[in-house]
Amino acid sequence: AAALLMHRFTGFPLPQCVGRGTGLD
């Protein structure tokens, strides 16, 4: 949810907003 909000409010591309969260490979 935070990555989607970041993408929409900042205009950064979605790949730049999405991380590993709780530890995804």
PDBML (XML) file of the C-alpha atoms, coordinates in Angstrom:
<?xml version="1.0" encoding="UTF-8" ?>
<PDBx:datablock datablockName="MODEL"
   xmlns:PDBx="http://pdbml.pdb.org/schema/pdbx-v50.xsd"
   xmlns:xsi="http://www.w3.org/2001/XMLSchema-instance"
   xsi:schemaLocation="http://pdbml.pdb.org/schema/pdbx-v50.xsd pdbx-v50.xsd">
   <PDBx:atom_siteCategory>
      <PDBx:atom_site id="1">
         <PDBx:B_iso_or_equiv>0.00</PDBx:B_iso_or_equiv>
         <PDBx:Cartn_x>0.000</PDBx:Cartn_x>
         <PDBx:Cartn_y>0.000</PDBx:Cartn_y>
         <PDBx:Cartn_z>0.000</PDBx:Cartn_z>
         <PDBx:auth_asym_id>A</PDBx:auth_asym_id>
         <PDBx:auth_atom_id>CA</PDBx:auth_atom_id>
         <PDBx:auth_comp_id>ALA</PDBx:auth_comp_id>
         <PDBx:auth_seq_id>1</PDBx:auth_seq_id>
         <PDBx:group_PDB>ATOM</PDBx:group_PDB>
         <PDBx:label_alt_id xsi:nil="true" />
         <PDBx:label_asym_id>A</PDBx:label_asym_id>
         <PDBx:label_atom_id>CA</PDBx:label_atom_id>
         <PDBx:label_comp_id>ALA</PDBx:label_comp_id>
         <PDBx:label_entity_id>1</PDBx:label_entity_id>
         <PDBx:label_seq_id>1</PDBx:label_seq_id>
         <PDBx:occupancy>1.00</PDBx:occupancy>
         <PDBx:pdbx_PDB_model_num>1</PDBx:pdbx_PDB_model_num>
         <PDBx:type_symbol>C</PDBx:type_symbol>
      </PDBx:atom_site>
      <PDBx:atom_site id="2">
         <PDBx:B_iso_or_equiv>0.00</PDBx:B_iso_or_equiv>
         <PDBx:Cartn_x>2.808</PDBx:Cartn_x>
         <PDBx:Cartn_y>2.407</PDBx:Cartn_y>
         <PDBx:Cartn_z>0.877</PDBx:Cartn_z>
         <PDBx:auth_asym_id>A</PDBx:auth_asym_id>
         <PDBx:auth_atom_id>CA</PDBx:auth_atom_id>
         <PDBx:auth_comp_id>ALA</PDBx:auth_comp_id>
         <PDBx:auth_seq_id>2</PDBx:auth_seq_id>
         <PDBx:group_PDB>ATOM</PDBx:group_PDB>
         <PDBx:label_alt_id xsi:nil="true" />
         <PDBx:label_asym_id>A</PDBx:label_asym_id>
         <PDBx:label_atom_id>CA</PDBx:label_atom_id>
         <PDBx:label_comp_id>ALA</PDBx:label_comp_id>
         <PDBx:label_entity_id>1</PDBx:label_entity_id>
         <PDBx:label_seq_id>2</PDBx:label_seq_id>
         <PDBx:occupancy>1.00</PDBx:occupancy>
         <PDBx:pdbx_PDB_model_num>1</PDBx:pdbx_PDB_model_num>
         <PDBx:type_symbol>C</PDBx:type_symbol>
      </PDBx:atom_site>
      <PDBx:atom_site id="3">
         <PDBx:B_iso_or_equiv>0.00</PDBx:B_iso_or_equiv>
         <PDBx:Cartn_x>4.572</PDBx:Cartn_x>
         <PDBx:Cartn_y>1.797</PDBx:Cartn_y>
         <PDBx:Cartn_z>-2.444</PDBx:Cartn_z>
         <PDBx:auth_asym_id>A</PDBx:auth_asym_id>
         <PDBx:auth_atom_id>CA</PDBx:auth_atom_id>
         <PDBx:auth_comp_id>ALA</PDBx:auth_comp_id>
         <PDBx:auth_seq_id>3</PDBx:auth_seq_id>
         <PDBx:group_PDB>ATOM</PDBx:group_PDB>
         <PDBx:label_alt_id xsi:nil="true" />
         <PDBx:label_asym_id>A</PDBx:label_asym_id>
         <PDBx:label_atom_id>CA</PDBx:label_atom_id>
         <PDBx:label_comp_id>ALA</PDBx:label_comp_id>
         <PDBx:label_entity_id>1</PDBx:label_entity_id>
         <PDBx:label_seq_id>3</PDBx:label_seq_id>
         <PDBx:occupancy>1.00</PDBx:occupancy>
         <PDBx:pdbx_PDB_model_num>1</PDBx:pdbx_PDB_model_num>
         <PDBx:type_symbol>C</PDBx:type_symbol>
      </PDBx:atom_site>
      <PDBx:atom_site id="4">
         <PDBx:B_iso_or_equiv>0.00</PDBx:B_iso_or_equiv>
         <PDBx:Cartn_x>1.375</PDBx:Cartn_x>
         <PDBx:Cartn_y>2.527</PDBx:Cartn_y>
         <PDBx:Cartn_z>-4.357</PDBx:Cartn_z>
         <PDBx:auth_asym_id>A</PDBx:auth_asym_id>
         <PDBx:auth_atom_id>CA</PDBx:auth_atom_id>
         <PDBx:auth_comp_id>LEU</PDBx:auth_comp_id>
         <PDBx:auth_seq_id>4</PDBx:auth_seq_id>
         <PDBx:group_PDB>ATOM</PDBx:group_PDB>
         <PDBx:label_alt_id xsi:nil="true" />
         <PDBx:label_asym_id>A</PDBx:label_asym_id>
         <PDBx:label_atom_id>CA</PDBx:label_atom_id>
         <PDBx:label_comp_id>LEU</PDBx:label_comp_id>
         <PDBx:label_entity_id>1</PDBx:label_entity_id>
         <PDBx:label_seq_id>4</PDBx:label_seq_id>
         <PDBx:occupancy>1.00</PDBx:occupancy>
         <PDBx:pdbx_PDB_model_num>1</PDBx:pdbx_PDB_model_num>
         <PDBx:type_symbol>C</PDBx:type_symbol>
      </PDBx:atom_site>
      <PDBx:atom_site id="5">
         <PDBx:B_iso_or_equiv>0.00</PDBx:B_iso_or_equiv>
         <PDBx:Cartn_x>0.802</PDBx:Cartn_x>
         <PDBx:Cartn_y>5.730</PDBx:Cartn_y>
         <PDBx:Cartn_z>-2.386</PDBx:Cartn_z>
         <PDBx:auth_asym_id>A</PDBx:auth_asym_id>
         <PDBx:auth_atom_id>CA</PDBx:auth_atom_id>
         <PDBx:auth_comp_id>LEU</PDBx:auth_comp_id>
         <PDBx:auth_seq_id>5</PDBx:auth_seq_id>
         <PDBx:group_PDB>ATOM</PDBx:group_PDB>
         <PDBx:label_alt_id xsi:nil="true" />
         <PDBx:label_asym_id>A</PDBx:label_asym_id>
         <PDBx:label_atom_id>CA</PDBx:label_atom_id>
         <PDBx:label_comp_id>LEU</PDBx:label_comp_id>
         <PDBx:label_entity_id>1</PDBx:label_entity_id>
         <PDBx:label_seq_id>5</PDBx:label_seq_id>
         <PDBx:occupancy>1.00</PDBx:occupancy>
         <PDBx:pdbx_PDB_model_num>1</PDBx:pdbx_PDB_model_num>
         <PDBx:type_symbol>C</PDBx:type_symbol>
      </PDBx:atom_site>
      <PDBx:atom_site id="6">
         <PDBx:B_iso_or_equiv>0.00</PDBx:B_iso_or_equiv>
         <PDBx:Cartn_x>4.403</PDBx:Cartn_x>
         <PDBx:Cartn_y>6.764</PDBx:Cartn_y>
         <PDBx:Cartn_z>-3.009</PDBx:Cartn_z>
         <PDBx:auth_asym_id>A</PDBx:auth_asym_id>
         <PDBx:auth_atom_id>CA</PDBx:auth_atom_id>
         <PDBx:auth_comp_id>MET</PDBx:auth_comp_id>
         <PDBx:auth_seq_id>6</PDBx:auth_seq_id>
         <PDBx:group_PDB>ATOM</PDBx:group_PDB>
         <PDBx:label_alt_id xsi:nil="true" />
         <PDBx:label_asym_id>A</PDBx:label_asym_id>
         <PDBx:label_atom_id>CA</PDBx:label_atom_id>
         <PDBx:label_comp_id>MET</PDBx:label_comp_id>
         <PDBx:label_entity_id>1</PDBx:label_entity_id>
         <PDBx:label_seq_id>6</PDBx:label_seq_id>
         <PDBx:occupancy>1.00</PDBx:occupancy>
         <PDBx:pdbx_PDB_model_num>1</PDBx:pdbx_PDB_model_num>
         <PDBx:type_symbol>C</PDBx:type_symbol>
      </PDBx:atom_site>
      <PDBx:atom_site id="7">
         <PDBx:B_iso_or_equiv>0.00</PDBx:B_iso_or_equiv>
         <PDBx:Cartn_x>4.052</PDBx:Cartn_x>
         <PDBx:Cartn_y>6.115</PDBx:Cartn_y>
         <PDBx:Cartn_z>-6.717</PDBx:Cartn_z>
         <PDBx:auth_asym_id>A</PDBx:auth_asym_id>
         <PDBx:auth_atom_id>CA</PDBx:auth_atom_id>
         <PDBx:auth_comp_id>HIS</PDBx:auth_comp_id>
         <PDBx:auth_seq_id>7</PDBx:auth_seq_id>
         <PDBx:group_PDB>ATOM</PDBx:group_PDB>
         <PDBx:label_alt_id xsi:nil="true" />
         <PDBx:label_asym_id>A</PDBx:label_asym_id>
         <PDBx:label_atom_id>CA</PDBx:label_atom_id>
         <PDBx:label_comp_id>HIS</PDBx:label_comp_id>
         <PDBx:label_entity_id>1</PDBx:label_entity_id>
         <PDBx:label_seq_id>7</PDBx:label_seq_id>
         <PDBx:occupancy>1.00</PDBx:occupancy>
         <PDBx:pdbx_PDB_model_num>1</PDBx:pdbx_PDB_model_num>
         <PDBx:type_symbol>C</PDBx:type_symbol>
      </PDBx:atom_site>
      <PDBx:atom_site id="8">
         <PDBx:B_iso_or_equiv>0.00</PDBx:B_iso_or_equiv>
         <PDBx:Cartn_x>0.871</PDBx:Cartn_x>
         <PDBx:Cartn_y>8.169</PDBx:Cartn_y>
         <PDBx:Cartn_z>-6.966</PDBx:Cartn_z>
         <PDBx:auth_asym_id>A</PDBx:auth_asym_id>
         <PDBx:auth_atom_id>CA</PDBx:auth_atom_id>
         <PDBx:auth_comp_id>ARG</PDBx:auth_comp_id>
         <PDBx:auth_seq_id>8</PDBx:auth_seq_id>
         <PDBx:group_PDB>ATOM</PDBx:group_PDB>
         <PDBx:label_alt_id xsi:nil="true" />
         <PDBx:label_asym_id>A</PDBx:label_asym_id>
         <PDBx:label_atom_id>CA</PDBx:label_atom_id>
         <PDBx:label_comp_id>ARG</PDBx:label_comp_id>
         <PDBx:label_entity_id>1</PDBx:label_entity_id>
         <PDBx:label_seq_id>8</PDBx:label_seq_id>
         <PDBx:occupancy>1.00</PDBx:occupancy>
         <PDBx:pdbx_PDB_model_num>1</PDBx:pdbx_PDB_model_num>
         <PDBx:type_symbol>C</PDBx:type_symbol>
      </PDBx:atom_site>
      <PDBx:atom_site id="9">
         <PDBx:B_iso_or_equiv>0.00</PDBx:B_iso_or_equiv>
         <PDBx:Cartn_x>1.909</PDBx:Cartn_x>
         <PDBx:Cartn_y>11.116</PDBx:Cartn_y>
         <PDBx:Cartn_z>-4.763</PDBx:Cartn_z>
         <PDBx:auth_asym_id>A</PDBx:auth_asym_id>
         <PDBx:auth_atom_id>CA</PDBx:auth_atom_id>
         <PDBx:auth_comp_id>PHE</PDBx:auth_comp_id>
         <PDBx:auth_seq_id>9</PDBx:auth_seq_id>
         <PDBx:group_PDB>ATOM</PDBx:group_PDB>
         <PDBx:label_alt_id xsi:nil="true" />
         <PDBx:label_asym_id>A</PDBx:label_asym_id>
         <PDBx:label_atom_id>CA</PDBx:label_atom_id>
         <PDBx:label_comp_id>PHE</PDBx:label_comp_id>
         <PDBx:label_entity_id>1</PDBx:label_entity_id>
         <PDBx:label_seq_id>9</PDBx:label_seq_id>
         <PDBx:occupancy>1.00</PDBx:occupancy>
         <PDBx:pdbx_PDB_model_num>1</PDBx:pdbx_PDB_model_num>
         <PDBx:type_symbol>C</PDBx:type_symbol>
      </PDBx:atom_site>
      <PDBx:atom_site id="10">
         <PDBx:B_iso_or_equiv>0.00</PDBx:B_iso_or_equiv>
         <PDBx:Cartn_x>5.532</PDBx:Cartn_x>
         <PDBx:Cartn_y>11.500</PDBx:Cartn_y>
         <PDBx:Cartn_z>-5.877</PDBx:Cartn_z>
         <PDBx:auth_asym_id>A</PDBx:auth_asym_id>
         <PDBx:auth_atom_id>CA</PDBx:auth_atom_id>
         <PDBx:auth_comp_id>THR</PDBx:auth_comp_id>
         <PDBx:auth_seq_id>10</PDBx:auth_seq_id>
         <PDBx:group_PDB>ATOM</PDBx:group_PDB>
         <PDBx:label_alt_id xsi:nil="true" />
         <PDBx:label_asym_id>A</PDBx:label_asym_id>
         <PDBx:label_atom_id>CA</PDBx:label_atom_id>
         <PDBx:label_comp_id>THR</PDBx:label_comp_id>
         <PDBx:label_entity_id>1</PDBx:label_entity_id>
         <PDBx:label_seq_id>10</PDBx:label_seq_id>
         <PDBx:occupancy>1.00</PDBx:occupancy>
         <PDBx:pdbx_PDB_model_num>1</PDBx:pdbx_PDB_model_num>
         <PDBx:type_symbol>C</PDBx:type_symbol>
      </PDBx:atom_site>
      <PDBx:atom_site id="11">
         <PDBx:B_iso_or_equiv>0.00</PDBx:B_iso_or_equiv>
         <PDBx:Cartn_x>5.368</PDBx:Cartn_x>
         <PDBx:Cartn_y>10.406</PDBx:Cartn_y>
         <PDBx:Cartn_z>-9.499</PDBx:Cartn_z>
         <PDBx:auth_asym_id>A</PDBx:auth_asym_id>
         <PDBx:auth_atom_id>CA</PDBx:auth_atom_id>
         <PDBx:auth_comp_id>GLY</PDBx:auth_comp_id>
         <PDBx:auth_seq_id>11</PDBx:auth_seq_id>
         <PDBx:group_PDB>ATOM</PDBx:group_PDB>
         <PDBx:label_alt_id xsi:nil="true" />
         <PDBx:label_asym_id>A</PDBx:label_asym_id>
         <PDBx:label_atom_id>CA</PDBx:label_atom_id>
         <PDBx:label_comp_id>GLY</PDBx:label_comp_id>
         <PDBx:label_entity_id>1</PDBx:label_entity_id>
         <PDBx:label_seq_id>11</PDBx:label_seq_id>
         <PDBx:occupancy>1.00</PDBx:occupancy>
         <PDBx:pdbx_PDB_model_num>1</PDBx:pdbx_PDB_model_num>
         <PDBx:type_symbol>C</PDBx:type_symbol>
      </PDBx:atom_site>
      <PDBx:atom_site id="12">
         <PDBx:B_iso_or_equiv>0.00</PDBx:B_iso_or_equiv>
         <PDBx:Cartn_x>8.311</PDBx:Cartn_x>
         <PDBx:Cartn_y>8.033</PDBx:Cartn_y>
         <PDBx:Cartn_z>-9.086</PDBx:Cartn_z>
         <PDBx:auth_asym_id>A</PDBx:auth_asym_id>
         <PDBx:auth_atom_id>CA</PDBx:auth_atom_id>
         <PDBx:auth_comp_id>PHE</PDBx:auth_comp_id>
         <PDBx:auth_seq_id>12</PDBx:auth_seq_id>
         <PDBx:group_PDB>ATOM</PDBx:group_PDB>
         <PDBx:label_alt_id xsi:nil="true" />
         <PDBx:label_asym_id>A</PDBx:label_asym_id>
         <PDBx:label_atom_id>CA</PDBx:label_atom_id>
         <PDBx:label_comp_id>PHE</PDBx:label_comp_id>
         <PDBx:label_entity_id>1</PDBx:label_entity_id>
         <PDBx:label_seq_id>12</PDBx:label_seq_id>
         <PDBx:occupancy>1.00</PDBx:occupancy>
         <PDBx:pdbx_PDB_model_num>1</PDBx:pdbx_PDB_model_num>
         <PDBx:type_symbol>C</PDBx:type_symbol>
      </PDBx:atom_site>
      <PDBx:atom_site id="13">
         <PDBx:B_iso_or_equiv>0.00</PDBx:B_iso_or_equiv>
         <PDBx:Cartn_x>8.065</PDBx:Cartn_x>
         <PDBx:Cartn_y>4.943</PDBx:Cartn_y>
         <PDBx:Cartn_z>-11.336</PDBx:Cartn_z>
         <PDBx:auth_asym_id>A</PDBx:auth_asym_id>
         <PDBx:auth_atom_id>CA</PDBx:auth_atom_id>
         <PDBx:auth_comp_id>PRO</PDBx:auth_comp_id>
         <PDBx:auth_seq_id>13</PDBx:auth_seq_id>
         <PDBx:group_PDB>ATOM</PDBx:group_PDB>
         <PDBx:label_alt_id xsi:nil="true" />
         <PDBx:label_asym_id>A</PDBx:label_asym_id>
         <PDBx:label_atom_id>CA</PDBx:label_atom_id>
         <PDBx:label_comp_id>PRO</PDBx:label_comp_id>
         <PDBx:label_entity_id>1</PDBx:label_entity_id>
         <PDBx:label_seq_id>13</PDBx:label_seq_id>
         <PDBx:occupancy>1.00</PDBx:occupancy>
         <PDBx:pdbx_PDB_model_num>1</PDBx:pdbx_PDB_model_num>
         <PDBx:type_symbol>C</PDBx:type_symbol>
      </PDBx:atom_site>
      <PDBx:atom_site id="14">
         <PDBx:B_iso_or_equiv>0.00</PDBx:B_iso_or_equiv>
         <PDBx:Cartn_x>6.554</PDBx:Cartn_x>
         <PDBx:Cartn_y>1.995</PDBx:Cartn_y>
         <PDBx:Cartn_z>-9.507</PDBx:Cartn_z>
         <PDBx:auth_asym_id>A</PDBx:auth_asym_id>
         <PDBx:auth_atom_id>CA</PDBx:auth_atom_id>
         <PDBx:auth_comp_id>LEU</PDBx:auth_comp_id>
         <PDBx:auth_seq_id>14</PDBx:auth_seq_id>
         <PDBx:group_PDB>ATOM</PDBx:group_PDB>
         <PDBx:label_alt_id xsi:nil="true" />
         <PDBx:label_asym_id>A</PDBx:label_asym_id>
         <PDBx:label_atom_id>CA</PDBx:label_atom_id>
         <PDBx:label_comp_id>LEU</PDBx:label_comp_id>
         <PDBx:label_entity_id>1</PDBx:label_entity_id>
         <PDBx:label_seq_id>14</PDBx:label_seq_id>
         <PDBx:occupancy>1.00</PDBx:occupancy>
         <PDBx:pdbx_PDB_model_num>1</PDBx:pdbx_PDB_model_num>
         <PDBx:type_symbol>C</PDBx:type_symbol>
      </PDBx:atom_site>
      <PDBx:atom_site id="15">
         <PDBx:B_iso_or_equiv>0.00</PDBx:B_iso_or_equiv>
         <PDBx:Cartn_x>9.727</PDBx:Cartn_x>
         <PDBx:Cartn_y>-0.174</PDBx:Cartn_y>
         <PDBx:Cartn_z>-9.705</PDBx:Cartn_z>
         <PDBx:auth_asym_id>A</PDBx:auth_asym_id>
         <PDBx:auth_atom_id>CA</PDBx:auth_atom_id>
         <PDBx:auth_comp_id>PRO</PDBx:auth_comp_id>
         <PDBx:auth_seq_id>15</PDBx:auth_seq_id>
         <PDBx:group_PDB>ATOM</PDBx:group_PDB>
         <PDBx:label_alt_id xsi:nil="true" />
         <PDBx:label_asym_id>A</PDBx:label_asym_id>
         <PDBx:label_atom_id>CA</PDBx:label_atom_id>
         <PDBx:label_comp_id>PRO</PDBx:label_comp_id>
         <PDBx:label_entity_id>1</PDBx:label_entity_id>
         <PDBx:label_seq_id>15</PDBx:label_seq_id>
         <PDBx:occupancy>1.00</PDBx:occupancy>
         <PDBx:pdbx_PDB_model_num>1</PDBx:pdbx_PDB_model_num>
         <PDBx:type_symbol>C</PDBx:type_symbol>
      </PDBx:atom_site>
      <PDBx:atom_site id="16">
         <PDBx:B_iso_or_equiv>0.00</PDBx:B_iso_or_equiv>
         <PDBx:Cartn_x>11.536</PDBx:Cartn_x>
         <PDBx:Cartn_y>2.572</PDBx:Cartn_y>
         <PDBx:Cartn_z>-7.765</PDBx:Cartn_z>
         <PDBx:auth_asym_id>A</PDBx:auth_asym_id>
         <PDBx:auth_atom_id>CA</PDBx:auth_atom_id>
         <PDBx:auth_comp_id>GLN</PDBx:auth_comp_id>
         <PDBx:auth_seq_id>16</PDBx:auth_seq_id>
         <PDBx:group_PDB>ATOM</PDBx:group_PDB>
         <PDBx:label_alt_id xsi:nil="true" />
         <PDBx:label_asym_id>A</PDBx:label_asym_id>
         <PDBx:label_atom_id>CA</PDBx:label_atom_id>
         <PDBx:label_comp_id>GLN</PDBx:label_comp_id>
         <PDBx:label_entity_id>1</PDBx:label_entity_id>
         <PDBx:label_seq_id>16</PDBx:label_seq_id>
         <PDBx:occupancy>1.00</PDBx:occupancy>
         <PDBx:pdbx_PDB_model_num>1</PDBx:pdbx_PDB_model_num>
         <PDBx:type_symbol>C</PDBx:type_symbol>
      </PDBx:atom_site>
      <PDBx:atom_site id="17">
         <PDBx:B_iso_or_equiv>0.00</PDBx:B_iso_or_equiv>
         <PDBx:Cartn_x>8.858</PDBx:Cartn_x>
         <PDBx:Cartn_y>2.407</PDBx:Cartn_y>
         <PDBx:Cartn_z>-5.053</PDBx:Cartn_z>
         <PDBx:auth_asym_id>A</PDBx:auth_asym_id>
         <PDBx:auth_atom_id>CA</PDBx:auth_atom_id>
         <PDBx:auth_comp_id>CYS</PDBx:auth_comp_id>
         <PDBx:auth_seq_id>17</PDBx:auth_seq_id>
         <PDBx:group_PDB>ATOM</PDBx:group_PDB>
         <PDBx:label_alt_id xsi:nil="true" />
         <PDBx:label_asym_id>A</PDBx:label_asym_id>
         <PDBx:label_atom_id>CA</PDBx:label_atom_id>
         <PDBx:label_comp_id>CYS</PDBx:label_comp_id>
         <PDBx:label_entity_id>1</PDBx:label_entity_id>
         <PDBx:label_seq_id>17</PDBx:label_seq_id>
         <PDBx:occupancy>1.00</PDBx:occupancy>
         <PDBx:pdbx_PDB_model_num>1</PDBx:pdbx_PDB_model_num>
         <PDBx:type_symbol>C</PDBx:type_symbol>
      </PDBx:atom_site>
      <PDBx:atom_site id="18">
         <PDBx:B_iso_or_equiv>0.00</PDBx:B_iso_or_equiv>
         <PDBx:Cartn_x>8.683</PDBx:Cartn_x>
         <PDBx:Cartn_y>-1.355</PDBx:Cartn_y>
         <PDBx:Cartn_z>-4.519</PDBx:Cartn_z>
         <PDBx:auth_asym_id>A</PDBx:auth_asym_id>
         <PDBx:auth_atom_id>CA</PDBx:auth_atom_id>
         <PDBx:auth_comp_id>VAL</PDBx:auth_comp_id>
         <PDBx:auth_seq_id>18</PDBx:auth_seq_id>
         <PDBx:group_PDB>ATOM</PDBx:group_PDB>
         <PDBx:label_alt_id xsi:nil="true" />
         <PDBx:label_asym_id>A</PDBx:label_asym_id>
         <PDBx:label_atom_id>CA</PDBx:label_atom_id>
         <PDBx:label_comp_id>VAL</PDBx:label_comp_id>
         <PDBx:label_entity_id>1</PDBx:label_entity_id>
         <PDBx:label_seq_id>18</PDBx:label_seq_id>
         <PDBx:occupancy>1.00</PDBx:occupancy>
         <PDBx:pdbx_PDB_model_num>1</PDBx:pdbx_PDB_model_num>
         <PDBx:type_symbol>C</PDBx:type_symbol>
      </PDBx:atom_site>
      <PDBx:atom_site id="19">
         <PDBx:B_iso_or_equiv>0.00</PDBx:B_iso_or_equiv>
         <PDBx:Cartn_x>11.059</PDBx:Cartn_x>
         <PDBx:Cartn_y>-3.094</PDBx:Cartn_y>
         <PDBx:Cartn_z>-2.111</PDBx:Cartn_z>
         <PDBx:auth_asym_id>A</PDBx:auth_asym_id>
         <PDBx:auth_atom_id>CA</PDBx:auth_atom_id>
         <PDBx:auth_comp_id>GLY</PDBx:auth_comp_id>
         <PDBx:auth_seq_id>19</PDBx:auth_seq_id>
         <PDBx:group_PDB>ATOM</PDBx:group_PDB>
         <PDBx:label_alt_id xsi:nil="true" />
         <PDBx:label_asym_id>A</PDBx:label_asym_id>
         <PDBx:label_atom_id>CA</PDBx:label_atom_id>
         <PDBx:label_comp_id>GLY</PDBx:label_comp_id>
         <PDBx:label_entity_id>1</PDBx:label_entity_id>
         <PDBx:label_seq_id>19</PDBx:label_seq_id>
         <PDBx:occupancy>1.00</PDBx:occupancy>
         <PDBx:pdbx_PDB_model_num>1</PDBx:pdbx_PDB_model_num>
         <PDBx:type_symbol>C</PDBx:type_symbol>
      </PDBx:atom_site>
      <PDBx:atom_site id="20">
         <PDBx:B_iso_or_equiv>0.00</PDBx:B_iso_or_equiv>
         <PDBx:Cartn_x>11.488</PDBx:Cartn_x>
         <PDBx:Cartn_y>-6.341</PDBx:Cartn_y>
         <PDBx:Cartn_z>-0.231</PDBx:Cartn_z>
         <PDBx:auth_asym_id>A</PDBx:auth_asym_id>
         <PDBx:auth_atom_id>CA</PDBx:auth_atom_id>
         <PDBx:auth_comp_id>ARG</PDBx:auth_comp_id>
         <PDBx:auth_seq_id>20</PDBx:auth_seq_id>
         <PDBx:group_PDB>ATOM</PDBx:group_PDB>
         <PDBx:label_alt_id xsi:nil="true" />
         <PDBx:label_asym_id>A</PDBx:label_asym_id>
         <PDBx:label_atom_id>CA</PDBx:label_atom_id>
         <PDBx:label_comp_id>ARG</PDBx:label_comp_id>
         <PDBx:label_entity_id>1</PDBx:label_entity_id>
         <PDBx:label_seq_id>20</PDBx:label_seq_id>
         <PDBx:occupancy>1.00</PDBx:occupancy>
         <PDBx:pdbx_PDB_model_num>1</PDBx:pdbx_PDB_model_num>
         <PDBx:type_symbol>C</PDBx:type_symbol>
      </PDBx:atom_site>
      <PDBx:atom_site id="21">
         <PDBx:B_iso_or_equiv>0.00</PDBx:B_iso_or_equiv>
         <PDBx:Cartn_x>9.113</PDBx:Cartn_x>
         <PDBx:Cartn_y>-5.480</PDBx:Cartn_y>
         <PDBx:Cartn_z>2.607</PDBx:Cartn_z>
         <PDBx:auth_asym_id>A</PDBx:auth_asym_id>
         <PDBx:auth_atom_id>CA</PDBx:auth_atom_id>
         <PDBx:auth_comp_id>GLY</PDBx:auth_comp_id>
         <PDBx:auth_seq_id>21</PDBx:auth_seq_id>
         <PDBx:group_PDB>ATOM</PDBx:group_PDB>
         <PDBx:label_alt_id xsi:nil="true" />
         <PDBx:label_asym_id>A</PDBx:label_asym_id>
         <PDBx:label_atom_id>CA</PDBx:label_atom_id>
         <PDBx:label_comp_id>GLY</PDBx:label_comp_id>
         <PDBx:label_entity_id>1</PDBx:label_entity_id>
         <PDBx:label_seq_id>21</PDBx:label_seq_id>
         <PDBx:occupancy>1.00</PDBx:occupancy>
         <PDBx:pdbx_PDB_model_num>1</PDBx:pdbx_PDB_model_num>
         <PDBx:type_symbol>C</PDBx:type_symbol>
      </PDBx:atom_site>
      <PDBx:atom_site id="22">
         <PDBx:B_iso_or_equiv>0.00</PDBx:B_iso_or_equiv>
         <PDBx:Cartn_x>9.403</PDBx:Cartn_x>
         <PDBx:Cartn_y>-8.162</PDBx:Cartn_y>
         <PDBx:Cartn_z>5.273</PDBx:Cartn_z>
         <PDBx:auth_asym_id>A</PDBx:auth_asym_id>
         <PDBx:auth_atom_id>CA</PDBx:auth_atom_id>
         <PDBx:auth_comp_id>THR</PDBx:auth_comp_id>
         <PDBx:auth_seq_id>22</PDBx:auth_seq_id>
         <PDBx:group_PDB>ATOM</PDBx:group_PDB>
         <PDBx:label_alt_id xsi:nil="true" />
         <PDBx:label_asym_id>A</PDBx:label_asym_id>
         <PDBx:label_atom_id>CA</PDBx:label_atom_id>
         <PDBx:label_comp_id>THR</PDBx:label_comp_id>
         <PDBx:label_entity_id>1</PDBx:label_entity_id>
         <PDBx:label_seq_id>22</PDBx:label_seq_id>
         <PDBx:occupancy>1.00</PDBx:occupancy>
         <PDBx:pdbx_PDB_model_num>1</PDBx:pdbx_PDB_model_num>
         <PDBx:type_symbol>C</PDBx:type_symbol>
      </PDBx:atom_site>
      <PDBx:atom_site id="23">
         <PDBx:B_iso_or_equiv>0.00</PDBx:B_iso_or_equiv>
         <PDBx:Cartn_x>12.148</PDBx:Cartn_x>
         <PDBx:Cartn_y>-9.957</PDBx:Cartn_y>
         <PDBx:Cartn_z>3.318</PDBx:Cartn_z>
         <PDBx:auth_asym_id>A</PDBx:auth_asym_id>
         <PDBx:auth_atom_id>CA</PDBx:auth_atom_id>
         <PDBx:auth_comp_id>GLY</PDBx:auth_comp_id>
         <PDBx:auth_seq_id>23</PDBx:auth_seq_id>
         <PDBx:group_PDB>ATOM</PDBx:group_PDB>
         <PDBx:label_alt_id xsi:nil="true" />
         <PDBx:label_asym_id>A</PDBx:label_asym_id>
         <PDBx:label_atom_id>CA</PDBx:label_atom_id>
         <PDBx:label_comp_id>GLY</PDBx:label_comp_id>
         <PDBx:label_entity_id>1</PDBx:label_entity_id>
         <PDBx:label_seq_id>23</PDBx:label_seq_id>
         <PDBx:occupancy>1.00</PDBx:occupancy>
         <PDBx:pdbx_PDB_model_num>1</PDBx:pdbx_PDB_model_num>
         <PDBx:type_symbol>C</PDBx:type_symbol>
      </PDBx:atom_site>
      <PDBx:atom_site id="24">
         <PDBx:B_iso_or_equiv>0.00</PDBx:B_iso_or_equiv>
         <PDBx:Cartn_x>11.012</PDBx:Cartn_x>
         <PDBx:Cartn_y>-11.109</PDBx:Cartn_y>
         <PDBx:Cartn_z>-0.121</PDBx:Cartn_z>
         <PDBx:auth_asym_id>A</PDBx:auth_asym_id>
         <PDBx:auth_atom_id>CA</PDBx:auth_atom_id>
         <PDBx:auth_comp_id>LEU</PDBx:auth_comp_id>
         <PDBx:auth_seq_id>24</PDBx:auth_seq_id>
         <PDBx:group_PDB>ATOM</PDBx:group_PDB>
         <PDBx:label_alt_id xsi:nil="true" />
         <PDBx:label_asym_id>A</PDBx:label_asym_id>
         <PDBx:label_atom_id>CA</PDBx:label_atom_id>
         <PDBx:label_comp_id>LEU</PDBx:label_comp_id>
         <PDBx:label_entity_id>1</PDBx:label_entity_id>
         <PDBx:label_seq_id>24</PDBx:label_seq_id>
         <PDBx:occupancy>1.00</PDBx:occupancy>
         <PDBx:pdbx_PDB_model_num>1</PDBx:pdbx_PDB_model_num>
         <PDBx:type_symbol>C</PDBx:type_symbol>
      </PDBx:atom_site>
      <PDBx:atom_site id="25">
         <PDBx:B_iso_or_equiv>0.00</PDBx:B_iso_or_equiv>
         <PDBx:Cartn_x>13.576</PDBx:Cartn_x>
         <PDBx:Cartn_y>-12.744</PDBx:Cartn_y>
         <PDBx:Cartn_z>-2.393</PDBx:Cartn_z>
         <PDBx:auth_asym_id>A</PDBx:auth_asym_id>
         <PDBx:auth_atom_id>CA</PDBx:auth_atom_id>
         <PDBx:auth_comp_id>ASP</PDBx:auth_comp_id>
         <PDBx:auth_seq_id>25</PDBx:auth_seq_id>
         <PDBx:group_PDB>ATOM</PDBx:group_PDB>
         <PDBx:label_alt_id xsi:nil="true" />
         <PDBx:label_asym_id>A</PDBx:label_asym_id>
         <PDBx:label_atom_id>CA</PDBx:label_atom_id>
         <PDBx:label_comp_id>ASP</PDBx:label_comp_id>
         <PDBx:label_entity_id>1</PDBx:label_entity_id>
         <PDBx:label_seq_id>25</PDBx:label_seq_id>
         <PDBx:occupancy>1.00</PDBx:occupancy>
         <PDBx:pdbx_PDB_model_num>1</PDBx:pdbx_PDB_model_num>
         <PDBx:type_symbol>C</PDBx:type_symbol>
      </PDBx:atom_site>
   </PDBx:atom_siteCategory>
</PDBx:datablock>
